[in-house]
Amino acid sequence: MRYFLISGLALATFCAQLPAQTLYRCGNEYRDTPCPNGVTVNAGDARTAAQKSEAQSLTVKEGALAEQMEKSRMQSEAVEAKRMQAQAQREAAQDKKRVTDAKPAERSQHAQEAVVLKPHKKQREDVFTVRSAKPPKNTVSAAKAPKSP
């Protein structure tokens, strides 16, 4: 995040120092070369130096705020993940205790419910195999073979 902000500020500073190019509006598009019936567009930055510096400082402040918000979000997600993991462990312990405390007839029922099926192996879709047709059998049985004189 920080690198994007720094590179964006560097690019903005570099572009601000470049002289304005003449742009032409040709229908619904803009070009840097003249075209028939094209209209010249002033693409210069009309802001004062004070306005530019104010916008740049505001960009820096907003970037710092965005980093702070991202950090806060990541912390709250980590806390939520720990809470969910602890809850899952408690539920698993409760299920295990319930199964061990159950009567033998109920245990077998719980054991049948606990069977977890493995997912099918995924077929690789990017593999293409070509097989040729099997050649016909040319063997003739000894009983049907012509006898030689």
N, C-alpha and C. Protein backbone atom coordinates (compact mmCIF):
# COMPACT_ATOMS: atom_id res chain seq x y z
N MET A 1 0.84 -1.19 0.00
CA MET A 1 0.00 0.00 0.00
C MET A 1 0.88 1.25 0.00
N ARG A 2 1.90 1.22 0.84
CA ARG A 2 2.78 2.37 0.97
C ARG A 2 3.53 2.63 -0.34
N TYR A 3 3.93 1.54 -1.01
CA TYR A 3 4.68 1.68 -2.25
C TYR A 3 3.81 2.31 -3.35
N PHE A 4 2.53 1.94 -3.38
CA PHE A 4 1.63 2.52 -4.37
C PHE A 4 1.47 4.02 -4.13
N LEU A 5 1.39 4.39 -2.87
CA LEU A 5 1.23 5.80 -2.51
C LEU A 5 2.46 6.58 -2.93
N ILE A 6 3.65 6.05 -2.62
CA ILE A 6 4.88 6.75 -2.96
C ILE A 6 5.05 6.85 -4.47
N SER A 7 4.80 5.74 -5.16
CA SER A 7 4.95 5.77 -6.62
C SER A 7 3.91 6.71 -7.25
N GLY A 8 2.71 6.77 -6.70
CA GLY A 8 1.68 7.67 -7.21
C GLY A 8 2.08 9.13 -7.02
N LEU A 9 2.64 9.43 -5.86
CA LEU A 9 3.08 10.82 -5.61
C LEU A 9 4.24 11.19 -6.53
N ALA A 10 5.16 10.24 -6.74
CA ALA A 10 6.29 10.51 -7.63
C ALA A 10 5.81 10.74 -9.06
N LEU A 11 4.87 9.93 -9.49
CA LEU A 11 4.32 10.08 -10.84
C LEU A 11 3.59 11.42 -10.98
N ALA A 12 2.83 11.79 -9.97
CA ALA A 12 2.10 13.05 -10.02
C ALA A 12 3.06 14.24 -10.06
N THR A 13 4.14 14.15 -9.29
CA THR A 13 5.13 15.23 -9.28
C THR A 13 5.82 15.33 -10.63
N PHE A 14 6.16 14.19 -11.21
CA PHE A 14 6.83 14.16 -12.51
C PHE A 14 5.91 14.73 -13.59
N CYS A 15 4.66 14.30 -13.57
CA CYS A 15 3.72 14.76 -14.59
C CYS A 15 3.40 16.25 -14.45
N ALA A 16 3.45 16.76 -13.25
CA ALA A 16 3.15 18.17 -13.04
C ALA A 16 4.22 19.05 -13.65
N GLN A 17 5.44 18.53 -13.77
CA GLN A 17 6.53 19.32 -14.31
C GLN A 17 6.57 19.29 -15.84
N LEU A 18 5.86 18.35 -16.46
CA LEU A 18 5.84 18.27 -17.91
C LEU A 18 5.00 19.40 -18.50
N PRO A 19 5.40 19.92 -19.67
CA PRO A 19 4.57 20.95 -20.29
C PRO A 19 3.27 20.32 -20.80
N ALA A 20 2.23 21.10 -20.82
CA ALA A 20 0.94 20.59 -21.27
C ALA A 20 0.97 20.33 -22.77
N GLN A 21 0.42 19.21 -23.19
CA GLN A 21 0.33 18.89 -24.60
C GLN A 21 -0.98 19.43 -25.15
N THR A 22 -0.99 19.63 -26.45
CA THR A 22 -2.22 20.03 -27.10
C THR A 22 -3.02 18.77 -27.40
N LEU A 23 -4.24 18.73 -26.95
CA LEU A 23 -5.11 17.60 -27.20
C LEU A 23 -6.22 18.02 -28.15
N TYR A 24 -6.68 17.06 -28.91
CA TYR A 24 -7.76 17.31 -29.87
C TYR A 24 -8.91 16.35 -29.57
N ARG A 25 -10.11 16.90 -29.55
CA ARG A 25 -11.29 16.06 -29.37
C ARG A 25 -11.83 15.74 -30.76
N CYS A 26 -11.81 14.44 -31.06
CA CYS A 26 -12.27 13.97 -32.37
C CYS A 26 -13.49 13.10 -32.14
N GLY A 27 -14.66 13.67 -32.19
CA GLY A 27 -15.88 12.91 -31.93
C GLY A 27 -15.97 12.58 -30.45
N ASN A 28 -15.94 11.28 -30.13
CA ASN A 28 -16.02 10.84 -28.74
C ASN A 28 -14.68 10.40 -28.17
N GLU A 29 -13.58 10.72 -28.81
CA GLU A 29 -12.28 10.32 -28.31
C GLU A 29 -11.32 11.50 -28.34
N TYR A 30 -10.24 11.38 -27.58
CA TYR A 30 -9.24 12.43 -27.51
C TYR A 30 -7.94 11.90 -28.10
N ARG A 31 -7.24 12.75 -28.87
CA ARG A 31 -5.99 12.37 -29.51
C ARG A 31 -4.96 13.47 -29.31
N ASP A 32 -3.70 13.11 -29.49
CA ASP A 32 -2.65 14.12 -29.44
C ASP A 32 -2.26 14.58 -30.85
N THR A 33 -2.91 14.04 -31.86
CA THR A 33 -2.68 14.47 -33.25
C THR A 33 -3.97 15.08 -33.79
N PRO A 34 -3.84 16.11 -34.63
CA PRO A 34 -5.06 16.74 -35.15
C PRO A 34 -5.84 15.79 -36.06
N CYS A 35 -7.13 16.00 -36.14
CA CYS A 35 -7.99 15.19 -36.97
C CYS A 35 -9.00 16.12 -37.66
N PRO A 36 -9.66 15.65 -38.72
CA PRO A 36 -10.65 16.50 -39.37
C PRO A 36 -11.80 16.81 -38.40
N ASN A 37 -12.23 18.02 -38.38
CA ASN A 37 -13.30 18.51 -37.50
C ASN A 37 -12.95 18.35 -36.02
N GLY A 38 -11.66 18.25 -35.70
CA GLY A 38 -11.22 18.12 -34.31
C GLY A 38 -11.23 19.46 -33.61
N VAL A 39 -11.50 19.44 -32.32
CA VAL A 39 -11.56 20.65 -31.51
C VAL A 39 -10.39 20.62 -30.54
N THR A 40 -9.65 21.71 -30.44
CA THR A 40 -8.53 21.79 -29.51
C THR A 40 -9.05 21.88 -28.08
N VAL A 41 -8.44 21.10 -27.20
CA VAL A 41 -8.85 21.06 -25.80
C VAL A 41 -7.68 21.52 -24.94
N ASN A 42 -7.93 22.43 -24.03
CA ASN A 42 -6.89 22.87 -23.11
C ASN A 42 -6.80 21.85 -21.98
N ALA A 43 -5.69 21.11 -21.91
CA ALA A 43 -5.54 20.07 -20.91
C ALA A 43 -4.57 20.47 -19.81
N GLY A 44 -4.26 21.74 -19.73
CA GLY A 44 -3.34 22.22 -18.71
C GLY A 44 -3.98 22.20 -17.33
N ASP A 45 -3.14 22.15 -16.31
CA ASP A 45 -3.62 22.15 -14.93
C ASP A 45 -3.81 23.60 -14.51
N ALA A 46 -5.04 23.98 -14.27
CA ALA A 46 -5.36 25.37 -13.96
C ALA A 46 -5.24 25.68 -12.47
N ARG A 47 -4.79 24.74 -11.67
CA ARG A 47 -4.69 24.98 -10.23
C ARG A 47 -3.46 25.80 -9.90
N THR A 48 -3.55 26.53 -8.81
CA THR A 48 -2.41 27.31 -8.34
C THR A 48 -1.47 26.38 -7.58
N ALA A 49 -0.28 26.87 -7.28
CA ALA A 49 0.70 26.07 -6.54
C ALA A 49 0.16 25.71 -5.15
N ALA A 50 -0.56 26.64 -4.53
CA ALA A 50 -1.13 26.37 -3.21
C ALA A 50 -2.18 25.27 -3.29
N GLN A 51 -3.00 25.32 -4.32
CA GLN A 51 -4.02 24.28 -4.48
C GLN A 51 -3.38 22.92 -4.73
N LYS A 52 -2.30 22.90 -5.52
CA LYS A 52 -1.62 21.64 -5.79
C LYS A 52 -1.01 21.05 -4.53
N SER A 53 -0.35 21.89 -3.73
CA SER A 53 0.27 21.40 -2.49
C SER A 53 -0.79 20.95 -1.50
N GLU A 54 -1.92 21.64 -1.46
CA GLU A 54 -3.02 21.25 -0.57
C GLU A 54 -3.58 19.88 -0.98
N ALA A 55 -3.75 19.68 -2.28
CA ALA A 55 -4.25 18.39 -2.77
C ALA A 55 -3.25 17.28 -2.47
N GLN A 56 -1.96 17.59 -2.60
CA GLN A 56 -0.94 16.58 -2.34
C GLN A 56 -0.90 16.22 -0.85
N SER A 57 -1.00 17.22 0.02
CA SER A 57 -1.01 16.91 1.45
C SER A 57 -2.27 16.14 1.84
N LEU A 58 -3.39 16.44 1.21
CA LEU A 58 -4.63 15.71 1.48
C LEU A 58 -4.49 14.26 1.03
N THR A 59 -3.81 14.04 -0.09
CA THR A 59 -3.58 12.68 -0.58
C THR A 59 -2.72 11.90 0.41
N VAL A 60 -1.71 12.53 0.95
CA VAL A 60 -0.84 11.87 1.93
C VAL A 60 -1.63 11.52 3.19
N LYS A 61 -2.46 12.45 3.66
CA LYS A 61 -3.27 12.19 4.86
C LYS A 61 -4.25 11.04 4.63
N GLU A 62 -4.89 11.04 3.47
CA GLU A 62 -5.85 9.97 3.16
C GLU A 62 -5.14 8.62 3.03
N GLY A 63 -3.92 8.63 2.48
CA GLY A 63 -3.15 7.39 2.39
C GLY A 63 -2.81 6.85 3.77
N ALA A 64 -2.43 7.73 4.70
CA ALA A 64 -2.12 7.31 6.07
C ALA A 64 -3.38 6.77 6.75
N LEU A 65 -4.51 7.43 6.53
CA LEU A 65 -5.77 6.96 7.10
C LEU A 65 -6.15 5.60 6.53
N ALA A 66 -5.93 5.40 5.23
CA ALA A 66 -6.24 4.11 4.61
C ALA A 66 -5.38 3.01 5.20
N GLU A 67 -4.10 3.28 5.43
CA GLU A 67 -3.23 2.28 6.05
C GLU A 67 -3.70 1.94 7.46
N GLN A 68 -4.08 2.97 8.21
CA GLN A 68 -4.56 2.75 9.57
C GLN A 68 -5.84 1.91 9.57
N MET A 69 -6.75 2.21 8.64
CA MET A 69 -8.00 1.44 8.56
C MET A 69 -7.73 -0.01 8.16
N GLU A 70 -6.79 -0.22 7.26
CA GLU A 70 -6.45 -1.58 6.85
C GLU A 70 -5.88 -2.37 8.01
N LYS A 71 -5.00 -1.73 8.78
CA LYS A 71 -4.41 -2.38 9.94
C LYS A 71 -5.49 -2.76 10.96
N SER A 72 -6.41 -1.85 11.20
CA SER A 72 -7.51 -2.11 12.13
C SER A 72 -8.38 -3.26 11.64
N ARG A 73 -8.68 -3.28 10.34
CA ARG A 73 -9.49 -4.36 9.78
C ARG A 73 -8.80 -5.71 9.92
N MET A 74 -7.51 -5.74 9.66
CA MET A 74 -6.78 -7.00 9.77
C MET A 74 -6.74 -7.50 11.21
N GLN A 75 -6.61 -6.58 12.17
CA GLN A 75 -6.63 -6.97 13.58
C GLN A 75 -7.99 -7.53 13.97
N SER A 76 -9.05 -6.88 13.54
CA SER A 76 -10.39 -7.37 13.90
C SER A 76 -10.67 -8.71 13.23
N GLU A 77 -10.18 -8.92 12.00
CA GLU A 77 -10.34 -10.22 11.35
C GLU A 77 -9.58 -11.31 12.09
N ALA A 78 -8.38 -10.99 12.60
CA ALA A 78 -7.60 -11.97 13.35
C ALA A 78 -8.31 -12.35 14.66
N VAL A 79 -8.88 -11.36 15.33
CA VAL A 79 -9.62 -11.63 16.57
C VAL A 79 -10.84 -12.50 16.27
N GLU A 80 -11.54 -12.20 15.20
CA GLU A 80 -12.73 -12.98 14.83
C GLU A 80 -12.35 -14.41 14.46
N ALA A 81 -11.23 -14.58 13.78
CA ALA A 81 -10.78 -15.93 13.41
C ALA A 81 -10.45 -16.75 14.66
N LYS A 82 -9.79 -16.12 15.64
CA LYS A 82 -9.49 -16.83 16.89
C LYS A 82 -10.77 -17.20 17.63
N ARG A 83 -11.74 -16.30 17.63
CA ARG A 83 -13.01 -16.57 18.31
C ARG A 83 -13.74 -17.74 17.65
N MET A 84 -13.75 -17.75 16.33
CA MET A 84 -14.41 -18.84 15.60
C MET A 84 -13.70 -20.18 15.84
N GLN A 85 -12.37 -20.15 15.90
CA GLN A 85 -11.63 -21.38 16.14
C GLN A 85 -11.91 -21.91 17.54
N ALA A 86 -11.95 -21.02 18.54
CA ALA A 86 -12.24 -21.45 19.90
C ALA A 86 -13.66 -22.02 20.00
N GLN A 87 -14.59 -21.40 19.31
CA GLN A 87 -15.97 -21.89 19.32
C GLN A 87 -16.05 -23.27 18.67
N ALA A 88 -15.34 -23.48 17.58
CA ALA A 88 -15.34 -24.79 16.91
C ALA A 88 -14.73 -25.86 17.82
N GLN A 89 -13.69 -25.50 18.55
CA GLN A 89 -13.06 -26.46 19.47
C GLN A 89 -14.02 -26.81 20.61
N ARG A 90 -14.74 -25.81 21.13
CA ARG A 90 -15.71 -26.09 22.19
C ARG A 90 -16.82 -27.01 21.69
N GLU A 91 -17.32 -26.74 20.49
CA GLU A 91 -18.38 -27.57 19.93
C GLU A 91 -17.90 -28.99 19.68
N ALA A 92 -16.67 -29.14 19.23
CA ALA A 92 -16.12 -30.48 18.99
C ALA A 92 -15.98 -31.23 20.30
N ALA A 93 -15.54 -30.53 21.34
CA ALA A 93 -15.41 -31.18 22.65
C ALA A 93 -16.78 -31.58 23.20
N GLN A 94 -17.78 -30.73 23.00
CA GLN A 94 -19.13 -31.07 23.46
C GLN A 94 -19.68 -32.27 22.70
N ASP A 95 -19.46 -32.32 21.40
CA ASP A 95 -19.92 -33.46 20.60
C ASP A 95 -19.24 -34.74 21.05
N LYS A 96 -17.95 -34.67 21.32
CA LYS A 96 -17.20 -35.86 21.75
C LYS A 96 -17.72 -36.33 23.11
N LYS A 97 -17.97 -35.40 24.01
CA LYS A 97 -18.48 -35.77 25.33
C LYS A 97 -19.87 -36.38 25.21
N ARG A 98 -20.70 -35.82 24.36
CA ARG A 98 -22.05 -36.34 24.18
C ARG A 98 -22.01 -37.75 23.62
N VAL A 99 -21.09 -38.03 22.71
CA VAL A 99 -20.98 -39.37 22.12
C VAL A 99 -20.48 -40.36 23.16
N THR A 100 -19.49 -39.95 23.97
CA THR A 100 -18.95 -40.88 24.97
C THR A 100 -19.95 -41.13 26.09
N ASP A 101 -20.80 -40.16 26.39
CA ASP A 101 -21.80 -40.32 27.44
C ASP A 101 -23.05 -41.05 26.94
N ALA A 102 -23.17 -41.23 25.67
CA ALA A 102 -24.37 -41.84 25.10
C ALA A 102 -24.40 -43.34 25.38
N LYS A 103 -25.58 -43.92 25.27
CA LYS A 103 -25.75 -45.35 25.43
C LYS A 103 -25.13 -46.08 24.25
N PRO A 104 -24.78 -47.37 24.39
CA PRO A 104 -24.13 -48.10 23.30
C PRO A 104 -24.92 -48.08 22.00
N ALA A 105 -26.24 -48.17 22.04
CA ALA A 105 -27.04 -48.17 20.81
C ALA A 105 -26.92 -46.81 20.11
N GLU A 106 -26.89 -45.75 20.90
CA GLU A 106 -26.77 -44.43 20.32
C GLU A 106 -25.37 -44.19 19.78
N ARG A 107 -24.35 -44.83 20.40
CA ARG A 107 -22.97 -44.67 19.93
C ARG A 107 -22.81 -45.16 18.50
N SER A 108 -23.40 -46.31 18.21
CA SER A 108 -23.25 -46.85 16.86
C SER A 108 -23.93 -45.92 15.85
N GLN A 109 -25.05 -45.33 16.28
CA GLN A 109 -25.74 -44.39 15.39
C GLN A 109 -24.86 -43.16 15.16
N HIS A 110 -24.23 -42.64 16.22
CA HIS A 110 -23.34 -41.49 16.07
C HIS A 110 -22.13 -41.85 15.21
N ALA A 111 -21.64 -43.06 15.36
CA ALA A 111 -20.49 -43.48 14.57
C ALA A 111 -20.86 -43.53 13.08
N GLN A 112 -22.07 -43.97 12.78
CA GLN A 112 -22.49 -44.00 11.39
C GLN A 112 -22.66 -42.58 10.84
N GLU A 113 -23.12 -41.66 11.66
CA GLU A 113 -23.28 -40.29 11.23
C GLU A 113 -21.94 -39.61 11.02
N ALA A 114 -20.93 -40.05 11.77
CA ALA A 114 -19.63 -39.39 11.72
C ALA A 114 -18.79 -39.81 10.52
N VAL A 115 -19.26 -40.76 9.73
CA VAL A 115 -18.49 -41.18 8.57
C VAL A 115 -18.42 -40.02 7.59
N VAL A 116 -17.21 -39.70 7.23
CA VAL A 116 -16.99 -38.58 6.31
C VAL A 116 -16.56 -39.15 4.97
N LEU A 117 -17.28 -38.80 3.95
CA LEU A 117 -16.95 -39.28 2.62
C LEU A 117 -15.87 -38.39 2.01
N LYS A 118 -14.93 -39.03 1.34
CA LYS A 118 -13.88 -38.28 0.68
C LYS A 118 -14.41 -37.76 -0.65
N PRO A 119 -14.02 -36.56 -1.01
CA PRO A 119 -14.48 -36.05 -2.31
C PRO A 119 -13.80 -36.80 -3.45
N HIS A 120 -14.47 -36.84 -4.57
CA HIS A 120 -13.90 -37.49 -5.73
C HIS A 120 -12.65 -36.74 -6.17
N LYS A 121 -11.73 -37.50 -6.73
CA LYS A 121 -10.55 -36.84 -7.25
C LYS A 121 -10.96 -36.01 -8.47
N LYS A 122 -10.41 -34.84 -8.54
CA LYS A 122 -10.75 -33.97 -9.65
C LYS A 122 -10.02 -34.45 -10.90
N GLN A 123 -10.75 -34.45 -11.96
CA GLN A 123 -10.15 -34.79 -13.24
C GLN A 123 -9.40 -33.56 -13.75
N ARG A 124 -8.23 -33.79 -14.25
CA ARG A 124 -7.48 -32.67 -14.80
C ARG A 124 -8.07 -32.31 -16.15
N GLU A 125 -8.60 -31.13 -16.23
CA GLU A 125 -9.26 -30.70 -17.45
C GLU A 125 -8.26 -30.22 -18.51
N ASP A 126 -7.03 -29.94 -18.09
CA ASP A 126 -6.07 -29.43 -19.05
C ASP A 126 -5.29 -30.55 -19.75
N VAL A 127 -5.59 -31.79 -19.42
CA VAL A 127 -4.92 -32.91 -20.05
C VAL A 127 -5.82 -33.48 -21.14
N PHE A 128 -5.30 -33.63 -22.32
CA PHE A 128 -6.07 -34.15 -23.43
C PHE A 128 -5.36 -35.41 -23.92
N THR A 129 -6.04 -36.54 -23.90
CA THR A 129 -5.46 -37.80 -24.30
C THR A 129 -6.15 -38.30 -25.55
N VAL A 130 -5.35 -38.74 -26.51
CA VAL A 130 -5.89 -39.28 -27.75
C VAL A 130 -5.53 -40.75 -27.80
N ARG A 131 -6.52 -41.57 -28.07
CA ARG A 131 -6.30 -43.01 -28.21
C ARG A 131 -6.77 -43.42 -29.59
N SER A 132 -5.98 -44.26 -30.22
CA SER A 132 -6.39 -44.74 -31.54
C SER A 132 -7.30 -45.94 -31.37
N ALA A 133 -8.06 -46.24 -32.40
CA ALA A 133 -8.98 -47.37 -32.35
C ALA A 133 -8.17 -48.67 -32.31
N LYS A 134 -8.73 -49.68 -31.66
CA LYS A 134 -8.03 -50.96 -31.58
C LYS A 134 -8.04 -51.61 -32.97
N PRO A 135 -6.91 -52.19 -33.35
CA PRO A 135 -6.88 -52.85 -34.66
C PRO A 135 -7.74 -54.12 -34.63
N PRO A 136 -8.33 -54.48 -35.76
CA PRO A 136 -9.18 -55.69 -35.78
C PRO A 136 -8.32 -56.93 -35.62
N LYS A 137 -8.91 -57.94 -35.01
CA LYS A 137 -8.18 -59.19 -34.82
C LYS A 137 -8.14 -59.95 -36.14
N ASN A 138 -6.95 -60.30 -36.59
CA ASN A 138 -6.76 -61.03 -37.84
C ASN A 138 -6.44 -62.51 -37.61
N THR A 139 -6.54 -62.93 -36.42
CA THR A 139 -6.20 -64.33 -36.14
C THR A 139 -7.36 -65.22 -36.51
N VAL A 140 -7.05 -66.29 -37.09
CA VAL A 140 -8.06 -67.26 -37.49
C VAL A 140 -7.84 -68.51 -36.64
N SER A 141 -8.91 -69.04 -36.12
CA SER A 141 -8.76 -70.22 -35.27
C SER A 141 -8.28 -71.41 -36.10
N ALA A 142 -7.65 -72.36 -35.44
CA ALA A 142 -7.08 -73.53 -36.12
C ALA A 142 -8.18 -74.37 -36.77
N ALA A 143 -9.37 -74.42 -36.21
CA ALA A 143 -10.44 -75.23 -36.76
C ALA A 143 -10.96 -74.64 -38.05
N LYS A 144 -10.96 -73.33 -38.17
CA LYS A 144 -11.49 -72.69 -39.37
C LYS A 144 -10.41 -72.39 -40.42
N ALA A 145 -9.20 -72.62 -40.08
CA ALA A 145 -8.10 -72.34 -41.01
C ALA A 145 -8.15 -73.32 -42.18
N PRO A 146 -7.89 -72.86 -43.40
CA PRO A 146 -7.91 -73.77 -44.55
C PRO A 146 -6.74 -74.78 -44.43
N LYS A 147 -7.05 -76.02 -44.83
CA LYS A 147 -6.05 -77.07 -44.74
C LYS A 147 -5.21 -77.04 -46.00
N SER A 148 -3.96 -77.22 -45.84
CA SER A 148 -3.08 -77.26 -47.00
C SER A 148 -2.94 -78.67 -47.50
N PRO A 149 -2.90 -78.97 -48.87
CA PRO A 149 -2.87 -80.34 -49.41
C PRO A 149 -1.56 -81.02 -49.29
